[in-house]
């Protein structure tokens, strides 16, 4: 799979970089409305930051001894 950006003008898509592909190969085109792509990124970033703030439950508990208990000074 090759990902290439392009510009849509008059029912055609002009590619912004050259592509080596066979004629007749099937392509998929996704249209982003102005600002839509940035909003999706901001939503994903907010979701990840919320996960980081919340943290992950990795187990552990009161039965684990502290570092100082394990290593006498």
PDB file of N, CA and C in Angstrom:
ATOM      1  N   UNK A   1       0.850  -1.175   0.000  1.00  0.00           N
ATOM      2  CA  UNK A   1       0.000   0.000   0.000  1.00  0.00           C
ATOM      3  C   UNK A   1       0.894   1.236   0.000  1.00  0.00           C
ATOM      4  N   UNK A   2       0.532   2.206  -0.788  1.00  0.00           N
ATOM      5  CA  UNK A   2       1.248   3.472  -0.867  1.00  0.00           C
ATOM      6  C   UNK A   2       0.291   4.593  -0.510  1.00  0.00           C
ATOM      7  N   UNK A   3       0.728   5.501   0.339  1.00  0.00           N
ATOM      8  CA  UNK A   3      -0.109   6.634   0.738  1.00  0.00           C
ATOM      9  C   UNK A   3       0.466   7.893   0.109  1.00  0.00           C
ATOM     10  N   UNK A   4      -0.367   8.590  -0.659  1.00  0.00           N
ATOM     11  CA  UNK A   4       0.060   9.790  -1.369  1.00  0.00           C
ATOM     12  C   UNK A   4      -1.001  10.863  -1.190  1.00  0.00           C
ATOM     13  N   UNK A   5      -0.584  12.085  -0.959  1.00  0.00           N
ATOM     14  CA  UNK A   5      -1.528  13.202  -0.854  1.00  0.00           C
ATOM     15  C   UNK A   5      -1.767  13.783  -2.238  1.00  0.00           C
ATOM     16  N   UNK A   6      -2.929  14.383  -2.397  1.00  0.00           N
ATOM     17  CA  UNK A   6      -3.273  15.004  -3.659  1.00  0.00           C
ATOM     18  C   UNK A   6      -4.252  16.135  -3.457  1.00  0.00           C
ATOM     19  N   UNK A   7      -4.556  16.829  -4.538  1.00  0.00           N
ATOM     20  CA  UNK A   7      -5.499  17.945  -4.506  1.00  0.00           C
ATOM     21  C   UNK A   7      -6.628  17.644  -5.479  1.00  0.00           C
ATOM     22  N   UNK A   8      -7.858  17.796  -5.012  1.00  0.00           N
ATOM     23  CA  UNK A   8      -9.050  17.535  -5.831  1.00  0.00           C
ATOM     24  C   UNK A   8      -9.438  18.802  -6.581  1.00  0.00           C
ATOM     25  N   UNK A   9      -9.498  18.713  -7.916  1.00  0.00           N
ATOM     26  CA  UNK A   9      -9.916  19.841  -8.754  1.00  0.00           C
ATOM     27  C   UNK A   9     -10.708  19.309  -9.936  1.00  0.00           C
ATOM     28  N   UNK A  10     -11.908  19.801 -10.111  1.00  0.00           N
ATOM     29  CA  UNK A  10     -12.702  19.476 -11.299  1.00  0.00           C
ATOM     30  C   UNK A  10     -12.873  17.989 -11.556  1.00  0.00           C
ATOM     31  N   UNK A  11     -13.289  17.226 -10.573  1.00  0.00           N
ATOM     32  CA  UNK A  11     -13.528  15.781 -10.670  1.00  0.00           C
ATOM     33  C   UNK A  11     -12.270  14.953 -10.925  1.00  0.00           C
ATOM     34  N   UNK A  12     -11.099  15.514 -10.677  1.00  0.00           N
ATOM     35  CA  UNK A  12      -9.856  14.740 -10.767  1.00  0.00           C
ATOM     36  C   UNK A  12      -9.018  15.017  -9.523  1.00  0.00           C
ATOM     37  N   UNK A  13      -8.140  14.094  -9.232  1.00  0.00           N
ATOM     38  CA  UNK A  13      -7.219  14.263  -8.110  1.00  0.00           C
ATOM     39  C   UNK A  13      -5.812  14.389  -8.680  1.00  0.00           C
ATOM     40  N   UNK A  14      -5.168  15.495  -8.412  1.00  0.00           N
ATOM     41  CA  UNK A  14      -3.791  15.714  -8.864  1.00  0.00           C
ATOM     42  C   UNK A  14      -2.875  15.305  -7.715  1.00  0.00           C
ATOM     43  N   UNK A  15      -2.027  14.295  -7.958  1.00  0.00           N
ATOM     44  CA  UNK A  15      -1.119  13.807  -6.931  1.00  0.00           C
ATOM     45  C   UNK A  15       0.016  14.790  -6.720  1.00  0.00           C
ATOM     46  N   UNK A  16       0.458  14.920  -5.470  1.00  0.00           N
ATOM     47  CA  UNK A  16       1.502  15.876  -5.140  1.00  0.00           C
ATOM     48  C   UNK A  16       2.907  15.293  -5.247  1.00  0.00           C
ATOM     49  N   UNK A  17       3.011  13.984  -5.501  1.00  0.00           N
ATOM     50  CA  UNK A  17       4.307  13.344  -5.709  1.00  0.00           C
ATOM     51  C   UNK A  17       4.141  12.192  -6.683  1.00  0.00           C
ATOM     52  N   UNK A  18       5.203  11.819  -7.390  1.00  0.00           N
ATOM     53  CA  UNK A  18       5.089  10.742  -8.381  1.00  0.00           C
ATOM     54  C   UNK A  18       4.869   9.381  -7.719  1.00  0.00           C
ATOM     55  N   UNK A  19       4.139   8.516  -8.435  1.00  0.00           N
ATOM     56  CA  UNK A  19       3.833   7.183  -7.933  1.00  0.00           C
ATOM     57  C   UNK A  19       4.161   6.168  -9.019  1.00  0.00           C
ATOM     58  N   UNK A  20       4.796   5.075  -8.623  1.00  0.00           N
ATOM     59  CA  UNK A  20       5.042   3.990  -9.576  1.00  0.00           C
ATOM     60  C   UNK A  20       3.989   2.923  -9.315  1.00  0.00           C
ATOM     61  N   UNK A  21       2.941   2.951 -10.105  1.00  0.00           N
ATOM     62  CA  UNK A  21       1.851   1.999  -9.963  1.00  0.00           C
ATOM     63  C   UNK A  21       1.402   1.535 -11.345  1.00  0.00           C
ATOM     64  N   UNK A  22       0.804   0.375 -11.396  1.00  0.00           N
ATOM     65  CA  UNK A  22       0.304  -0.183 -12.643  1.00  0.00           C
ATOM     66  C   UNK A  22      -0.993   0.524 -13.032  1.00  0.00           C
ATOM     67  N   UNK A  23      -1.168   0.795 -14.329  1.00  0.00           N
ATOM     68  CA  UNK A  23      -2.427   1.390 -14.791  1.00  0.00           C
ATOM     69  C   UNK A  23      -3.586   0.471 -14.445  1.00  0.00           C
ATOM     70  N   UNK A  24      -4.679   1.060 -14.018  1.00  0.00           N
ATOM     71  CA  UNK A  24      -5.874   0.297 -13.708  1.00  0.00           C
ATOM     72  C   UNK A  24      -5.913  -0.226 -12.284  1.00  0.00           C
ATOM     73  N   UNK A  25      -4.893   0.068 -11.490  1.00  0.00           N
ATOM     74  CA  UNK A  25      -4.887  -0.394 -10.107  1.00  0.00           C
ATOM     75  C   UNK A  25      -5.966   0.357  -9.314  1.00  0.00           C
ATOM     76  N   UNK A  26      -6.622  -0.340  -8.410  1.00  0.00           N
ATOM     77  CA  UNK A  26      -7.695   0.254  -7.623  1.00  0.00           C
ATOM     78  C   UNK A  26      -7.115   1.172  -6.551  1.00  0.00           C
ATOM     79  N   UNK A  27      -7.742   2.331  -6.364  1.00  0.00           N
ATOM     80  CA  UNK A  27      -7.304   3.290  -5.344  1.00  0.00           C
ATOM     81  C   UNK A  27      -8.482   3.653  -4.454  1.00  0.00           C
ATOM     82  N   UNK A  28      -8.176   4.172  -3.295  1.00  0.00           N
ATOM     83  CA  UNK A  28      -9.204   4.626  -2.363  1.00  0.00           C
ATOM     84  C   UNK A  28      -8.893   6.078  -2.040  1.00  0.00           C
ATOM     85  N   UNK A  29      -9.894   6.926  -2.117  1.00  0.00           N
ATOM     86  CA  UNK A  29      -9.710   8.354  -1.882  1.00  0.00           C
ATOM     87  C   UNK A  29     -10.556   8.756  -0.681  1.00  0.00           C
ATOM     88  N   UNK A  30      -9.950   9.491   0.245  1.00  0.00           N
ATOM     89  CA  UNK A  30     -10.657   9.983   1.428  1.00  0.00           C
ATOM     90  C   UNK A  30     -10.645  11.500   1.373  1.00  0.00           C
ATOM     91  N   UNK A  31     -11.793  12.109   1.497  1.00  0.00           N
ATOM     92  CA  UNK A  31     -11.894  13.562   1.494  1.00  0.00           C
ATOM     93  C   UNK A  31     -12.050  14.057   2.919  1.00  0.00           C
ATOM     94  N   UNK A  32     -11.190  14.973   3.315  1.00  0.00           N
ATOM     95  CA  UNK A  32     -11.305  15.631   4.615  1.00  0.00           C
ATOM     96  C   UNK A  32     -11.860  17.022   4.403  1.00  0.00           C
ATOM     97  N   UNK A  33     -12.855  17.371   5.182  1.00  0.00           N
ATOM     98  CA  UNK A  33     -13.374  18.729   5.139  1.00  0.00           C
ATOM     99  C   UNK A  33     -12.365  19.622   5.850  1.00  0.00           C
ATOM    100  N   UNK A  34     -12.310  20.904   5.484  1.00  0.00           N
ATOM    101  CA  UNK A  34     -11.357  21.800   6.151  1.00  0.00           C
ATOM    102  C   UNK A  34     -11.556  21.775   7.667  1.00  0.00           C
ATOM    103  N   UNK A  35     -10.478  21.554   8.393  1.00  0.00           N
ATOM    104  CA  UNK A  35     -10.528  21.509   9.851  1.00  0.00           C
ATOM    105  C   UNK A  35     -10.881  20.154  10.427  1.00  0.00           C
ATOM    106  N   UNK A  36     -11.457  19.266   9.626  1.00  0.00           N
ATOM    107  CA  UNK A  36     -11.908  17.967  10.125  1.00  0.00           C
ATOM    108  C   UNK A  36     -10.736  17.090  10.547  1.00  0.00           C
ATOM    109  N   UNK A  37      -9.677  17.078   9.765  1.00  0.00           N
ATOM    110  CA  UNK A  37      -8.523  16.241  10.065  1.00  0.00           C
ATOM    111  C   UNK A  37      -7.864  16.699  11.360  1.00  0.00           C
ATOM    112  N   UNK A  38      -7.728  17.998  11.538  1.00  0.00           N
ATOM    113  CA  UNK A  38      -7.140  18.535  12.758  1.00  0.00           C
ATOM    114  C   UNK A  38      -7.980  18.217  13.982  1.00  0.00           C
ATOM    115  N   UNK A  39      -9.300  18.259  13.832  1.00  0.00           N
ATOM    116  CA  UNK A  39     -10.194  17.970  14.958  1.00  0.00           C
ATOM    117  C   UNK A  39     -10.087  16.509  15.368  1.00  0.00           C
ATOM    118  N   UNK A  40      -9.966  15.606  14.412  1.00  0.00           N
ATOM    119  CA  UNK A  40      -9.814  14.184  14.727  1.00  0.00           C
ATOM    120  C   UNK A  40      -8.516  13.960  15.503  1.00  0.00           C
ATOM    121  N   UNK A  41      -7.452  14.650  15.107  1.00  0.00           N
ATOM    122  CA  UNK A  41      -6.174  14.536  15.815  1.00  0.00           C
ATOM    123  C   UNK A  41      -6.303  15.059  17.240  1.00  0.00           C
ATOM    124  N   UNK A  42      -6.969  16.213  17.394  1.00  0.00           N
ATOM    125  CA  UNK A  42      -7.129  16.785  18.733  1.00  0.00           C
ATOM    126  C   UNK A  42      -7.953  15.861  19.631  1.00  0.00           C
ATOM    127  N   UNK A  43      -9.000  15.249  19.078  1.00  0.00           N
ATOM    128  CA  UNK A  43      -9.805  14.313  19.863  1.00  0.00           C
ATOM    129  C   UNK A  43      -8.989  13.099  20.298  1.00  0.00           C
ATOM    130  N   UNK A  44      -8.192  12.552  19.389  1.00  0.00           N
ATOM    131  CA  UNK A  44      -7.362  11.393  19.717  1.00  0.00           C
ATOM    132  C   UNK A  44      -6.307  11.767  20.755  1.00  0.00           C
ATOM    133  N   UNK A  45      -5.708  12.936  20.622  1.00  0.00           N
ATOM    134  CA  UNK A  45      -4.693  13.376  21.581  1.00  0.00           C
ATOM    135  C   UNK A  45      -5.305  13.569  22.967  1.00  0.00           C
ATOM    136  N   UNK A  46      -6.495  14.161  23.034  1.00  0.00           N
ATOM    137  CA  UNK A  46      -7.171  14.353  24.323  1.00  0.00           C
ATOM    138  C   UNK A  46      -7.471  13.011  24.973  1.00  0.00           C
ATOM    139  N   UNK A  47      -7.923  12.054  24.183  1.00  0.00           N
ATOM    140  CA  UNK A  47      -8.224  10.724  24.701  1.00  0.00           C
ATOM    141  C   UNK A  47      -6.962  10.068  25.278  1.00  0.00           C
ATOM    142  N   UNK A  48      -5.848  10.175  24.581  1.00  0.00           N
ATOM    143  CA  UNK A  48      -4.598   9.582  25.068  1.00  0.00           C
ATOM    144  C   UNK A  48      -4.090  10.290  26.318  1.00  0.00           C
ATOM    145  N   UNK A  49      -4.199  11.620  26.360  1.00  0.00           N
ATOM    146  CA  UNK A  49      -3.770  12.350  27.551  1.00  0.00           C
ATOM    147  C   UNK A  49      -4.637  11.990  28.755  1.00  0.00           C
ATOM    148  N   UNK A  50      -5.924  11.794  28.531  1.00  0.00           N
ATOM    149  CA  UNK A  50      -6.815  11.360  29.617  1.00  0.00           C
ATOM    150  C   UNK A  50      -6.406   9.990  30.138  1.00  0.00           C
ATOM    151  N   UNK A  51      -6.050   9.077  29.228  1.00  0.00           N
ATOM    152  CA  UNK A  51      -5.588   7.748  29.647  1.00  0.00           C
ATOM    153  C   UNK A  51      -4.305   7.845  30.454  1.00  0.00           C
ATOM    154  N   UNK A  52      -3.388   8.705  30.028  1.00  0.00           N
ATOM    155  CA  UNK A  52      -2.132   8.864  30.756  1.00  0.00           C
ATOM    156  C   UNK A  52      -2.377   9.445  32.139  1.00  0.00           C
ATOM    157  N   UNK A  53      -3.276  10.399  32.250  1.00  0.00           N
ATOM    158  CA  UNK A  53      -3.597  11.020  33.535  1.00  0.00           C
ATOM    159  C   UNK A  53      -4.216  10.000  34.489  1.00  0.00           C
ATOM    160  N   UNK A  54      -5.087   9.161  33.953  1.00  0.00           N
ATOM    161  CA  UNK A  54      -5.773   8.152  34.754  1.00  0.00           C
ATOM    162  C   UNK A  54      -4.807   7.038  35.176  1.00  0.00           C
ATOM    163  N   UNK A  55      -3.905   6.670  34.299  1.00  0.00           N
ATOM    164  CA  UNK A  55      -2.933   5.622  34.596  1.00  0.00           C
ATOM    165  C   UNK A  55      -3.502   4.240  34.323  1.00  0.00           C
ATOM    166  N   UNK A  56      -2.630   3.244  34.423  1.00  0.00           N
ATOM    167  CA  UNK A  56      -3.024   1.860  34.189  1.00  0.00           C
ATOM    168  C   UNK A  56      -2.918   1.077  35.493  1.00  0.00           C
ATOM    169  N   UNK A  57      -3.859   0.226  35.742  1.00  0.00           N
ATOM    170  CA  UNK A  57      -3.828  -0.638  36.913  1.00  0.00           C
ATOM    171  C   UNK A  57      -2.976  -1.854  36.559  1.00  0.00           C
ATOM    172  N   UNK A  58      -1.785  -1.920  37.125  1.00  0.00           N
ATOM    173  CA  UNK A  58      -0.860  -3.000  36.798  1.00  0.00           C
ATOM    174  C   UNK A  58      -0.739  -4.015  37.925  1.00  0.00           C
ATOM    175  N   UNK A  59      -1.648  -3.968  38.846  1.00  0.00           N
ATOM    176  CA  UNK A  59      -1.590  -4.914  39.958  1.00  0.00           C
ATOM    177  C   UNK A  59      -0.813  -4.315  41.112  1.00  0.00           C
ATOM    178  N   UNK A  60      -0.233  -5.183  41.902  1.00  0.00           N
ATOM    179  CA  UNK A  60       0.488  -4.706  43.073  1.00  0.00           C
ATOM    180  C   UNK A  60      -0.488  -4.484  44.216  1.00  0.00           C
ATOM    181  N   UNK A  61       0.019  -4.156  45.314  1.00  0.00           N
ATOM    182  CA  UNK A  61      -0.852  -3.921  46.448  1.00  0.00           C
ATOM    183  C   UNK A  61      -0.050  -3.838  47.728  1.00  0.00           C
ATOM    184  N   UNK A  62      -0.721  -3.906  48.845  1.00  0.00           N
ATOM    185  CA  UNK A  62      -0.038  -3.732  50.123  1.00  0.00           C
ATOM    186  C   UNK A  62       0.928  -4.874  50.453  1.00  0.00           C
ATOM    187  N   UNK A  63       0.810  -6.014  49.802  1.00  0.00           N
ATOM    188  CA  UNK A  63       1.694  -7.136  50.106  1.00  0.00           C
ATOM    189  C   UNK A  63       3.094  -6.949  49.524  1.00  0.00           C
ATOM    190  N   UNK A  64       3.306  -5.916  48.681  1.00  0.00           N
ATOM    191  CA  UNK A  64       4.640  -5.633  48.165  1.00  0.00           C
ATOM    192  C   UNK A  64       5.381  -4.776  49.188  1.00  0.00           C
ATOM    193  N   UNK A  65       6.632  -5.092  49.408  1.00  0.00           N
ATOM    194  CA  UNK A  65       7.428  -4.331  50.358  1.00  0.00           C
ATOM    195  C   UNK A  65       8.035  -3.128  49.661  1.00  0.00           C
ATOM    196  N   UNK A  66       8.319  -2.106  50.422  1.00  0.00           N
ATOM    197  CA  UNK A  66       8.891  -0.891  49.846  1.00  0.00           C
ATOM    198  C   UNK A  66      10.362  -1.124  49.507  1.00  0.00           C
ATOM    199  N   UNK A  67      10.907  -0.223  48.770  1.00  0.00           N
ATOM    200  CA  UNK A  67      12.310  -0.298  48.370  1.00  0.00           C
ATOM    201  C   UNK A  67      13.206  -0.281  49.605  1.00  0.00           C
ATOM    202  N   UNK A  68      12.903   0.601  50.558  1.00  0.00           N
ATOM    203  CA  UNK A  68      13.715   0.702  51.775  1.00  0.00           C
ATOM    204  C   UNK A  68      13.658  -0.587  52.587  1.00  0.00           C
ATOM    205  N   UNK A  69      12.522  -1.258  52.596  1.00  0.00           N
ATOM    206  CA  UNK A  69      12.418  -2.527  53.322  1.00  0.00           C
ATOM    207  C   UNK A  69      13.244  -3.613  52.646  1.00  0.00           C
ATOM    208  N   UNK A  70      13.339  -3.569  51.333  1.00  0.00           N
ATOM    209  CA  UNK A  70      14.087  -4.591  50.604  1.00  0.00           C
ATOM    210  C   UNK A  70      15.592  -4.353  50.667  1.00  0.00           C
ATOM    211  N   UNK A  71      16.000  -3.108  50.699  1.00  0.00           N
ATOM    212  CA  UNK A  71      17.427  -2.766  50.674  1.00  0.00           C
ATOM    213  C   UNK A  71      17.785  -2.013  51.943  1.00  0.00           C
ATOM    214  N   UNK A  72      18.440  -2.713  52.851  1.00  0.00           N
ATOM    215  CA  UNK A  72      18.847  -2.045  54.082  1.00  0.00           C
ATOM    216  C   UNK A  72      19.953  -1.058  53.770  1.00  0.00           C
ATOM    217  N   UNK A  73      19.909   0.057  54.391  1.00  0.00           N
ATOM    218  CA  UNK A  73      20.909   1.094  54.143  1.00  0.00           C
ATOM    219  C   UNK A  73      21.959   1.083  55.208  1.00  0.00           C
TER     220      UNK A  73
END
